[in-house]
Amino acid sequence: MEQADLLAQALNLTMFGMGFVFLFLTLLVFVTKLMSVIIQKLEAQIKASPRQNNNSTTLEQEMDEETKFVIEQAIKMHRGA
């Protein structure tokens, strides 16, 4: 009788645990899909809105001559030239 009770408790705990994991993973899938839809809509809005970035500077404009020289020397040292 005691063994049957212990087996019933083990089965109950197993089913509860498996059910909890199933619900958690199902919720995780739906939340991930929801986040994906939200990101896709935001990305579409960003692409649709015109970007006005007149203040953008290129890498050439940002770097002064000394920085360029240091980077070039580091590349040469790395390549062994």
C-alpha atoms as a PDB file:
ATOM      1  CA  MET A   1       0.000   0.000   0.000  1.00  0.00           C
ATOM      2  CA  GLU A   2       2.818   2.365   0.904  1.00  0.00           C
ATOM      3  CA  GLN A   3       4.635   1.564  -2.356  1.00  0.00           C
ATOM      4  CA  ALA A   4       1.531   2.325  -4.405  1.00  0.00           C
ATOM      5  CA  ASP A   5       1.167   5.673  -2.628  1.00  0.00           C
ATOM      6  CA  LEU A   6       4.826   6.462  -3.263  1.00  0.00           C
ATOM      7  CA  LEU A   7       4.471   5.489  -6.932  1.00  0.00           C
ATOM      8  CA  ALA A   8       1.354   7.656  -7.264  1.00  0.00           C
ATOM      9  CA  GLN A   9       3.220  10.632  -5.772  1.00  0.00           C
ATOM     10  CA  ALA A  10       6.137  10.082  -8.140  1.00  0.00           C
ATOM     11  CA  LEU A  11       3.775   9.904 -11.125  1.00  0.00           C
ATOM     12  CA  ASN A  12       1.964  13.023  -9.941  1.00  0.00           C
ATOM     13  CA  LEU A  13       5.233  14.936  -9.538  1.00  0.00           C
ATOM     14  CA  THR A  14       6.433  13.755 -12.948  1.00  0.00           C
ATOM     15  CA  MET A  15       3.256  14.876 -14.697  1.00  0.00           C
ATOM     16  CA  PHE A  16       3.276  18.219 -12.885  1.00  0.00           C
ATOM     17  CA  GLY A  17       6.910  18.801 -13.852  1.00  0.00           C
ATOM     18  CA  MET A  18       6.419  17.820 -17.473  1.00  0.00           C
ATOM     19  CA  GLY A  19       3.299  19.966 -17.701  1.00  0.00           C
ATOM     20  CA  PHE A  20       5.126  22.955 -16.263  1.00  0.00           C
ATOM     21  CA  VAL A  21       8.003  22.539 -18.717  1.00  0.00           C
ATOM     22  CA  PHE A  22       5.573  22.159 -21.626  1.00  0.00           C
ATOM     23  CA  LEU A  23       3.693  25.326 -20.655  1.00  0.00           C
ATOM     24  CA  PHE A  24       6.924  27.270 -20.161  1.00  0.00           C
ATOM     25  CA  LEU A  25       8.314  26.237 -23.544  1.00  0.00           C
ATOM     26  CA  THR A  26       5.009  26.999 -25.273  1.00  0.00           C
ATOM     27  CA  LEU A  27       4.956  30.435 -23.676  1.00  0.00           C
ATOM     28  CA  LEU A  28       8.573  30.952 -24.714  1.00  0.00           C
ATOM     29  CA  VAL A  29       7.735  30.155 -28.358  1.00  0.00           C
ATOM     30  CA  PHE A  30       4.823  32.605 -28.395  1.00  0.00           C
ATOM     31  CA  VAL A  31       6.819  35.379 -26.744  1.00  0.00           C
ATOM     32  CA  THR A  32       9.658  34.855 -29.222  1.00  0.00           C
ATOM     33  CA  LYS A  33       7.237  35.019 -32.164  1.00  0.00           C
ATOM     34  CA  LEU A  34       5.651  38.157 -30.724  1.00  0.00           C
ATOM     35  CA  MET A  35       9.051  39.825 -30.348  1.00  0.00           C
ATOM     36  CA  SER A  36       9.894  38.861 -33.924  1.00  0.00           C
ATOM     37  CA  VAL A  37       6.691  40.455 -35.240  1.00  0.00           C
ATOM     38  CA  ILE A  38       7.322  43.616 -33.225  1.00  0.00           C
ATOM     39  CA  ILE A  39      10.902  43.900 -34.477  1.00  0.00           C
ATOM     40  CA  GLN A  40       9.822  43.359 -38.091  1.00  0.00           C
ATOM     41  CA  LYS A  41       7.215  46.123 -37.800  1.00  0.00           C
ATOM     42  CA  LEU A  42       9.723  48.500 -36.221  1.00  0.00           C
ATOM     43  CA  GLU A  43      12.276  47.682 -38.899  1.00  0.00           C
ATOM     44  CA  ALA A  44       9.707  48.406 -41.617  1.00  0.00           C
ATOM     45  CA  GLN A  45       8.914  51.758 -40.002  1.00  0.00           C
ATOM     46  CA  ILE A  46      12.578  52.658 -39.778  1.00  0.00           C
ATOM     47  CA  LYS A  47      13.167  51.775 -43.428  1.00  0.00           C
ATOM     48  CA  ALA A  48      10.052  53.713 -44.484  1.00  0.00           C
ATOM     49  CA  SER A  49      11.020  56.897 -42.671  1.00  0.00           C
ATOM     50  CA  PRO A  50      13.566  58.988 -44.564  1.00  0.00           C
ATOM     51  CA  ARG A  51      16.866  59.341 -42.787  1.00  0.00           C
ATOM     52  CA  GLN A  52      18.155  62.852 -42.725  1.00  0.00           C
ATOM     53  CA  ASN A  53      21.691  62.656 -41.509  1.00  0.00           C
ATOM     54  CA  ASN A  54      23.444  65.711 -42.876  1.00  0.00           C
ATOM     55  CA  ASN A  55      25.926  65.744 -40.008  1.00  0.00           C
ATOM     56  CA  SER A  56      27.369  62.362 -40.907  1.00  0.00           C
ATOM     57  CA  THR A  57      31.112  62.337 -41.286  1.00  0.00           C
ATOM     58  CA  THR A  58      33.100  59.711 -43.068  1.00  0.00           C
ATOM     59  CA  LEU A  59      35.965  57.828 -41.525  1.00  0.00           C
ATOM     60  CA  GLU A  60      38.383  59.857 -43.618  1.00  0.00           C
ATOM     61  CA  GLN A  61      37.040  63.110 -42.174  1.00  0.00           C
ATOM     62  CA  GLU A  62      37.104  61.863 -38.578  1.00  0.00           C
ATOM     63  CA  MET A  63      40.730  60.670 -38.560  1.00  0.00           C
ATOM     64  CA  ASP A  64      43.579  63.079 -38.445  1.00  0.00           C
ATOM     65  CA  GLU A  65      46.906  62.411 -40.132  1.00  0.00           C
ATOM     66  CA  GLU A  66      48.652  61.129 -37.011  1.00  0.00           C
ATOM     67  CA  THR A  67      45.941  58.539 -36.384  1.00  0.00           C
ATOM     68  CA  LYS A  68      46.153  57.358 -39.992  1.00  0.00           C
ATOM     69  CA  PHE A  69      49.917  57.047 -39.699  1.00  0.00           C
ATOM     70  CA  VAL A  70      49.701  55.035 -36.460  1.00  0.00           C
ATOM     71  CA  ILE A  71      47.117  52.657 -37.938  1.00  0.00           C
ATOM     72  CA  GLU A  72      49.158  52.158 -41.104  1.00  0.00           C
ATOM     73  CA  GLN A  73      52.294  51.406 -39.073  1.00  0.00           C
ATOM     74  CA  ALA A  74      50.406  48.936 -36.885  1.00  0.00           C
ATOM     75  CA  ILE A  75      49.098  47.123 -39.948  1.00  0.00           C
ATOM     76  CA  LYS A  76      52.590  46.957 -41.433  1.00  0.00           C
ATOM     77  CA  MET A  77      54.003  45.573 -38.177  1.00  0.00           C
ATOM     78  CA  HIS A  78      51.211  43.001 -38.004  1.00  0.00           C
ATOM     79  CA  ARG A  79      51.827  41.821 -41.543  1.00  0.00           C
ATOM     80  CA  GLY A  80      55.559  41.730 -40.961  1.00  0.00           C
ATOM     81  CA  ALA A  81      56.373  44.093 -43.808  1.00  0.00           C
END
